[in-house]
């Protein structure tokens, strides 16, 4: 199954060119429906597999989803919300690969590579540094971690996200870390890994290295 690169707008900016070039029998989108204004079942066979992270499906999202050839919800909540909006949809839940388990060797390898001592209690978070207010709540997370770290000094926080300000990186997290005096206790993975991705095995090592995963998200459609 070819997976097309999405570029800057979740595929919305390039999907028509992808379809013209690859001529697929069906396109399955796996993204927030807000970005799907150039997707249409009239232009190509489009299955919209989407999250719903609102109490009710907003009209803008419903407008986009109604153009799909077929709609699939990834949660029971999403299916209910779309059905209430008069959209017929099936339910296929998100899954977690079972090939990766607790691995003490992976824990040690990752911690050694990141210069994190074995006895440090490591919190970790994975998410996109986007939107204002912070979509993933990194400002809340860092302030909360500061309180924990003051009480339990042998703790660190690993953030797998972009740390610097840019076009889509609203918060300069490195500056916020300095402001809170957490330079010695907050660790970022490198920015390069954010843009090119990390293989499943690398992500498994990262999760194994954490003692506790934390997600302070204020709106979440994909979180597992």
Protein backbone atom coordinates (compact mmCIF):
# COMPACT_ATOMS: atom_id res chain seq x y z
CA UNK A 1 0.00 0.00 0.00
CA UNK A 2 1.74 3.22 -1.09
CA UNK A 3 1.75 5.89 1.63
CA UNK A 4 1.86 9.33 0.01
CA UNK A 5 3.88 12.10 1.69
CA UNK A 6 1.47 14.69 3.08
CA UNK A 7 3.65 17.84 2.76
CA UNK A 8 2.44 20.90 4.65
CA UNK A 9 -1.34 20.57 5.01
CA UNK A 10 -2.00 16.95 5.80
CA UNK A 11 -2.11 16.04 2.13
CA UNK A 12 -4.76 18.62 1.23
CA UNK A 13 -2.23 20.66 -0.74
CA UNK A 14 -1.01 17.75 -2.87
CA UNK A 15 -3.70 15.06 -2.95
CA UNK A 16 -4.99 15.96 -6.43
CA UNK A 17 -1.46 15.78 -7.84
CA UNK A 18 -0.93 12.44 -6.08
CA UNK A 19 -4.13 11.06 -7.62
CA UNK A 20 -3.20 12.33 -11.09
CA UNK A 21 0.26 10.76 -10.84
CA UNK A 22 -0.46 7.45 -9.08
CA UNK A 23 -4.02 6.87 -10.32
CA UNK A 24 -4.99 4.83 -7.22
CA UNK A 25 -8.16 2.75 -7.09
CA UNK A 26 -8.92 4.18 -3.67
CA UNK A 27 -7.44 6.84 -1.40
CA UNK A 28 -7.71 6.31 2.37
CA UNK A 29 -7.11 9.46 4.38
CA UNK A 30 -6.02 9.12 7.99
CA UNK A 31 -6.11 12.66 9.25
CA UNK A 32 -8.22 15.40 10.82
CA UNK A 33 -11.11 16.29 8.56
CA UNK A 34 -10.36 20.02 8.87
CA UNK A 35 -7.64 19.68 6.23
CA UNK A 36 -9.65 17.74 3.65
CA UNK A 37 -11.24 20.52 1.57
CA UNK A 38 -9.54 19.22 -1.62
CA UNK A 39 -10.64 15.63 -0.97
CA UNK A 40 -13.85 14.59 -2.70
CA UNK A 41 -15.51 11.32 -3.59
CA UNK A 42 -16.60 12.94 -6.85
CA UNK A 43 -12.96 13.45 -7.90
CA UNK A 44 -11.60 10.07 -6.72
CA UNK A 45 -12.68 7.12 -4.59
CA UNK A 46 -12.08 8.49 -1.09
CA UNK A 47 -12.43 6.64 2.21
CA UNK A 48 -12.25 9.12 5.09
CA UNK A 49 -10.95 7.39 8.26
CA UNK A 50 -10.99 10.20 10.74
CA UNK A 51 -10.95 11.13 14.42
CA UNK A 52 -13.61 13.23 16.12
CA UNK A 53 -12.26 15.17 19.08
CA UNK A 54 -15.29 17.33 19.81
CA UNK A 55 -18.44 16.66 21.81
CA UNK A 56 -20.38 17.05 18.56
CA UNK A 57 -19.18 17.05 14.98
CA UNK A 58 -18.63 20.71 13.93
CA UNK A 59 -20.38 21.74 10.73
CA UNK A 60 -17.11 22.51 8.93
CA UNK A 61 -15.89 18.97 9.61
CA UNK A 62 -19.25 17.50 8.61
CA UNK A 63 -19.17 19.48 5.35
CA UNK A 64 -15.83 17.92 4.40
CA UNK A 65 -16.69 14.40 5.55
CA UNK A 66 -19.96 14.32 3.61
CA UNK A 67 -17.97 14.48 0.35
CA UNK A 68 -16.27 11.13 1.04
CA UNK A 69 -17.16 7.93 -0.82
CA UNK A 70 -17.18 6.16 2.54
CA UNK A 71 -16.65 7.32 6.12
CA UNK A 72 -14.99 5.32 8.89
CA UNK A 73 -14.76 6.35 12.56
CA UNK A 74 -11.77 5.36 14.68
CA UNK A 75 -13.70 5.55 17.95
CA UNK A 76 -17.21 4.76 19.16
CA UNK A 77 -17.53 8.40 20.18
CA UNK A 78 -16.65 9.52 16.65
CA UNK A 79 -19.13 7.10 15.11
CA UNK A 80 -21.92 8.36 17.39
CA UNK A 81 -21.07 12.02 16.68
CA UNK A 82 -21.09 11.48 12.92
CA UNK A 83 -24.30 9.48 13.01
CA UNK A 84 -25.94 12.29 14.99
CA UNK A 85 -24.84 14.62 12.16
CA UNK A 86 -26.61 12.35 9.67
CA UNK A 87 -23.42 10.77 8.32
CA UNK A 88 -23.42 7.02 7.79
CA UNK A 89 -20.14 5.53 8.94
CA UNK A 90 -18.47 2.30 10.00
CA UNK A 91 -16.19 1.82 12.99
CA UNK A 92 -12.61 0.54 12.75
CA UNK A 93 -10.65 1.22 15.94
CA UNK A 94 -7.05 2.27 16.07
CA UNK A 95 -4.74 -0.51 17.16
CA UNK A 96 -1.42 -0.86 18.90
CA UNK A 97 1.18 -3.21 17.41
CA UNK A 98 1.79 -6.20 19.66
CA UNK A 99 5.32 -6.92 18.40
CA UNK A 100 6.92 -4.52 20.89
CA UNK A 101 6.92 -5.31 24.59
CA UNK A 102 8.77 -4.29 27.75
CA UNK A 103 12.46 -4.53 26.92
CA UNK A 104 15.02 -3.76 29.63
CA UNK A 105 17.88 -3.86 27.14
CA UNK A 106 16.12 -1.28 24.95
CA UNK A 107 15.61 0.87 28.04
CA UNK A 108 19.31 0.81 28.82
CA UNK A 109 20.33 1.48 25.20
CA UNK A 110 18.13 4.53 24.84
CA UNK A 111 19.08 5.98 28.21
CA UNK A 112 22.77 5.50 27.48
CA UNK A 113 22.40 7.26 24.12
CA UNK A 114 20.58 10.18 25.77
CA UNK A 115 22.91 10.33 28.84
CA UNK A 116 20.11 9.51 31.27
CA UNK A 117 21.18 7.59 34.38
CA UNK A 118 19.43 4.30 35.14
CA UNK A 119 18.14 5.50 38.51
CA UNK A 120 16.49 8.66 37.15
CA UNK A 121 12.69 8.56 37.12
CA UNK A 122 11.90 9.55 33.54
CA UNK A 123 8.64 11.11 32.43
CA UNK A 124 8.10 11.25 28.68
CA UNK A 125 5.71 12.85 26.23
CA UNK A 126 5.22 12.57 22.46
CA UNK A 127 3.25 15.12 20.45
CA UNK A 128 3.28 17.94 17.93
CA UNK A 129 4.27 21.42 19.10
CA UNK A 130 1.52 23.28 17.22
CA UNK A 131 -1.27 25.84 17.59
CA UNK A 132 -2.03 28.50 20.13
CA UNK A 133 -2.98 27.72 22.85
CA UNK A 134 -0.67 24.70 22.85
CA UNK A 135 -2.64 21.79 21.35
CA UNK A 136 -0.68 19.23 23.37
CA UNK A 137 -0.56 21.33 26.52
CA UNK A 138 3.24 21.51 26.70
CA UNK A 139 3.02 24.74 28.74
CA UNK A 140 0.83 22.98 31.34
CA UNK A 141 3.06 19.93 31.26
CA UNK A 142 6.28 21.87 31.87
CA UNK A 143 4.78 23.87 34.74
CA UNK A 144 3.44 20.68 36.32
CA UNK A 145 6.77 18.92 35.89
CA UNK A 146 8.53 21.83 37.59
CA UNK A 147 6.41 21.24 40.72
CA UNK A 148 7.18 17.51 40.67
CA UNK A 149 10.89 18.09 40.03
CA UNK A 150 11.18 20.49 42.96
CA UNK A 151 9.77 17.80 45.25
CA UNK A 152 11.60 14.88 43.61
CA UNK A 153 14.90 16.16 42.15
CA UNK A 154 15.94 12.80 40.65
CA UNK A 155 13.40 13.18 37.83
CA UNK A 156 13.68 14.21 34.20
CA UNK A 157 11.22 14.91 31.39
CA UNK A 158 11.84 13.66 27.85
CA UNK A 159 9.97 15.54 25.09
CA UNK A 160 9.73 14.03 21.61
CA UNK A 161 8.62 17.18 19.80
CA UNK A 162 10.04 20.17 17.97
CA UNK A 163 11.49 22.59 20.51
CA UNK A 164 12.12 25.76 18.51
CA UNK A 165 9.72 28.37 17.21
CA UNK A 166 8.88 28.29 13.51
CA UNK A 167 6.01 28.53 11.05
CA UNK A 168 4.06 25.66 12.65
CA UNK A 169 5.88 25.53 16.01
CA UNK A 170 4.07 28.22 17.94
CA UNK A 171 5.73 27.68 21.30
CA UNK A 172 9.50 28.02 21.60
CA UNK A 173 9.72 25.27 24.18
CA UNK A 174 13.46 25.68 24.67
CA UNK A 175 12.82 29.26 25.86
CA UNK A 176 9.98 28.12 28.12
CA UNK A 177 12.29 25.50 29.64
CA UNK A 178 14.86 28.24 30.38
CA UNK A 179 12.18 30.51 31.84
CA UNK A 180 11.17 27.76 34.25
CA UNK A 181 14.78 26.93 35.13
CA UNK A 182 14.50 23.35 33.85
CA UNK A 183 17.48 23.25 31.44
CA UNK A 184 19.15 20.42 33.38
CA UNK A 185 16.04 18.26 33.74
CA UNK A 186 14.17 18.52 30.41
CA UNK A 187 15.56 16.56 27.46
CA UNK A 188 14.51 16.93 23.82
CA UNK A 189 15.03 14.43 21.04
CA UNK A 190 16.72 16.16 18.11
CA UNK A 191 14.61 18.20 15.70
CA UNK A 192 15.79 16.19 12.70
CA UNK A 193 13.99 13.12 14.02
CA UNK A 194 10.74 15.10 14.12
CA UNK A 195 10.76 15.73 10.38
CA UNK A 196 12.13 12.46 8.99
CA UNK A 197 10.55 10.20 11.62
CA UNK A 198 11.86 7.40 13.81
CA UNK A 199 11.47 3.72 12.95
CA UNK A 200 9.09 1.63 15.06
CA UNK A 201 12.03 0.00 16.84
CA UNK A 202 13.40 3.40 17.81
CA UNK A 203 10.05 4.54 19.17
CA UNK A 204 9.76 1.28 21.12
CA UNK A 205 13.17 1.97 22.68
CA UNK A 206 12.06 5.47 23.62
CA UNK A 207 8.84 4.29 25.27
CA UNK A 208 10.76 1.56 27.11
CA UNK A 209 13.12 4.19 28.48
CA UNK A 210 10.23 6.07 30.13
CA UNK A 211 8.99 5.28 33.62
CA UNK A 212 5.78 7.22 33.05
CA UNK A 213 4.19 8.56 29.85
CA UNK A 214 2.34 11.85 30.22
CA UNK A 215 0.09 13.68 27.74
CA UNK A 216 -1.37 17.00 28.81
CA UNK A 217 -3.30 17.40 25.57
CA UNK A 218 -6.24 19.83 25.45
CA UNK A 219 -7.76 18.21 22.35
CA UNK A 220 -6.99 14.70 21.15
CA UNK A 221 -8.23 12.62 18.28
CA UNK A 222 -5.36 10.17 17.78
CA UNK A 223 -3.95 9.64 21.28
CA UNK A 224 -3.47 6.01 22.34
